[in-house]
Amino acid sequence: QVSLVESGGGLVQAGGSLRLSCAASGRAMTMYVMGWFRQAPGEDREFVAAINPSHIKTDYSTGYLDAVKGRFTISRDDAKNTVDLQMNNLKPEDTAVYYCTARLGPLGSTRLGQPSLYPDWGQGTQVTVSS
């Protein structure tokens, strides 16, 4: 079992930036897909971004929710067993609890955003964007 711990959430004004980080333990994550989902109050959990294992160099090495493309960037550091989400130009609609997730990979582009495929989840970190 993989343990995932998120950090970096907080309160920021619209247009600002935050960097979320997720530290994994229990396994070396080299062969894992790692991703971020979010959930706003009263809403379903929503895919934000995911990154395939580093040896995947194709167009589906990463995937993003359309609403965050060009603003969010996902990256991984296999030496540190971490995955980060750099969030720029934040909007009030980005307000949610953000969850880190992982599963053995790789996944094709159409499957990266399916939460049912991910067995391991962190506890979440709150991101609040004020207008």
Protein backbone atom coordinates (compact mmCIF):
# COMPACT_ATOMS: atom_id res chain seq x y z
CA GLN A 1 0.00 0.00 0.00
CA VAL A 2 1.16 3.48 -0.89
CA SER A 3 0.83 6.30 1.62
CA LEU A 4 0.30 9.78 0.13
CA VAL A 5 0.56 13.08 2.01
CA GLU A 6 -0.35 16.41 0.42
CA SER A 7 0.93 19.84 1.39
CA GLY A 8 0.93 23.37 0.07
CA GLY A 9 -2.73 24.31 0.13
CA GLY A 10 -3.98 27.61 1.46
CA LEU A 11 -5.83 30.84 0.78
CA VAL A 12 -4.85 32.95 -2.22
CA GLN A 13 -6.38 35.82 -4.17
CA ALA A 14 -7.59 35.32 -7.71
CA GLY A 15 -4.68 35.54 -10.11
CA GLY A 16 -2.26 34.19 -7.55
CA SER A 17 -0.27 30.96 -7.45
CA LEU A 18 0.12 27.94 -5.22
CA ARG A 19 2.29 24.86 -5.46
CA LEU A 20 0.91 21.62 -4.09
CA SER A 21 3.22 18.76 -3.26
CA CYS A 22 2.51 15.11 -2.57
CA ALA A 23 5.00 12.85 -0.83
CA ALA A 24 4.64 9.12 -1.36
CA SER A 25 5.97 6.41 0.91
CA GLY A 26 5.77 2.66 1.07
CA ARG A 27 6.81 2.03 -2.51
CA ALA A 28 9.17 3.45 -5.08
CA MET A 29 6.86 5.39 -7.39
CA THR A 30 8.91 4.99 -10.56
CA MET A 31 6.29 2.79 -12.26
CA TYR A 32 3.25 4.60 -10.85
CA VAL A 33 0.87 7.05 -12.44
CA MET A 34 0.50 9.98 -10.05
CA GLY A 35 -2.29 12.47 -10.19
CA TRP A 36 -4.40 15.18 -8.65
CA PHE A 37 -8.17 15.33 -8.28
CA ARG A 38 -10.28 17.96 -6.54
CA GLN A 39 -13.64 18.10 -4.87
CA ALA A 40 -15.68 21.19 -4.15
CA PRO A 41 -18.57 21.13 -1.63
CA GLY A 42 -21.58 19.35 -3.07
CA GLU A 43 -19.68 18.29 -6.17
CA ASP A 44 -18.22 15.02 -7.41
CA ARG A 45 -14.50 14.43 -7.30
CA GLU A 46 -13.00 15.93 -10.48
CA PHE A 47 -9.82 15.03 -12.37
CA VAL A 48 -7.26 17.85 -12.47
CA ALA A 49 -3.99 16.40 -13.79
CA ALA A 50 -1.99 13.19 -13.96
CA ILE A 51 1.47 12.13 -15.02
CA ASN A 52 2.53 8.72 -16.30
CA PRO A 53 5.77 7.00 -15.28
CA SER A 54 8.83 8.90 -16.47
CA HIS A 55 9.75 6.39 -19.18
CA ILE A 56 6.53 7.32 -21.05
CA LYS A 57 7.61 9.99 -23.54
CA THR A 58 4.51 10.10 -25.72
CA ASP A 59 1.74 12.68 -26.01
CA TYR A 60 -0.06 11.02 -23.08
CA SER A 61 2.80 11.41 -20.60
CA THR A 62 0.57 13.96 -18.87
CA GLY A 63 -3.11 14.80 -18.91
CA TYR A 64 -5.05 17.84 -17.72
CA LEU A 65 -8.59 18.99 -17.15
CA ASP A 66 -9.40 21.41 -19.98
CA ALA A 67 -10.23 24.16 -17.48
CA VAL A 68 -6.68 24.13 -16.05
CA LYS A 69 -4.64 23.68 -19.23
CA GLY A 70 -2.11 26.47 -19.57
CA ARG A 71 -2.46 27.39 -15.87
CA PHE A 72 -1.51 24.20 -14.00
CA THR A 73 1.60 22.06 -14.48
CA ILE A 74 2.15 18.62 -12.99
CA SER A 75 5.66 17.31 -12.43
CA ARG A 76 7.28 14.41 -10.63
CA ASP A 77 10.59 13.74 -8.92
CA ASP A 78 11.15 9.99 -8.72
CA ALA A 79 14.30 10.41 -6.65
CA LYS A 80 12.24 12.14 -3.95
CA ASN A 81 9.04 10.11 -4.53
CA THR A 82 7.05 13.30 -4.98
CA VAL A 83 4.58 14.81 -7.42
CA ASP A 84 3.90 18.54 -7.55
CA LEU A 85 1.11 20.64 -9.00
CA GLN A 86 2.06 24.21 -9.86
CA MET A 87 -1.10 26.29 -10.06
CA ASN A 88 -0.92 29.73 -11.63
CA ASN A 89 -3.57 32.35 -12.39
CA LEU A 90 -5.90 30.76 -9.89
CA LYS A 91 -9.61 31.43 -10.14
CA PRO A 92 -12.38 31.24 -7.51
CA GLU A 93 -13.75 28.17 -9.30
CA ASP A 94 -10.50 26.36 -8.46
CA THR A 95 -11.53 26.36 -4.81
CA ALA A 96 -11.71 22.76 -3.59
CA VAL A 97 -10.00 20.08 -1.57
CA TYR A 98 -7.18 18.71 -3.71
CA TYR A 99 -6.31 15.02 -3.44
CA CYS A 100 -3.16 13.23 -4.53
CA THR A 101 -3.57 9.76 -5.99
CA ALA A 102 -1.48 6.97 -7.48
CA ARG A 103 -1.69 3.62 -9.23
CA LEU A 104 0.60 1.30 -11.15
CA GLY A 105 0.91 2.56 -14.69
CA PRO A 106 0.99 3.54 -17.39
CA LEU A 107 -2.51 4.64 -18.36
CA GLY A 108 -3.74 5.81 -21.73
CA SER A 109 -4.91 9.35 -22.15
CA THR A 110 -8.60 8.45 -21.93
CA ARG A 111 -8.11 6.63 -18.62
CA LEU A 112 -5.91 9.09 -16.71
CA GLY A 113 -8.95 10.97 -15.45
CA GLN A 114 -11.01 8.03 -14.15
CA PRO A 115 -10.99 8.12 -10.32
CA SER A 116 -12.17 4.51 -10.03
CA LEU A 117 -8.82 3.37 -11.46
CA TYR A 118 -6.84 4.84 -8.56
CA PRO A 119 -6.69 2.74 -5.38
CA ASP A 120 -4.44 4.99 -3.30
CA TRP A 121 -5.46 8.48 -2.10
CA GLY A 122 -4.12 11.14 0.23
CA GLN A 123 -6.19 12.98 2.84
CA GLY A 124 -6.45 16.15 0.79
CA THR A 125 -5.38 19.76 1.12
CA GLN A 126 -7.71 22.76 0.96
CA VAL A 127 -7.22 25.38 -1.73
CA THR A 128 -9.33 28.52 -1.42
CA VAL A 129 -9.23 31.26 -4.04
CA SER A 130 -10.87 34.56 -3.12
CA SER A 131 -12.24 36.94 -5.71
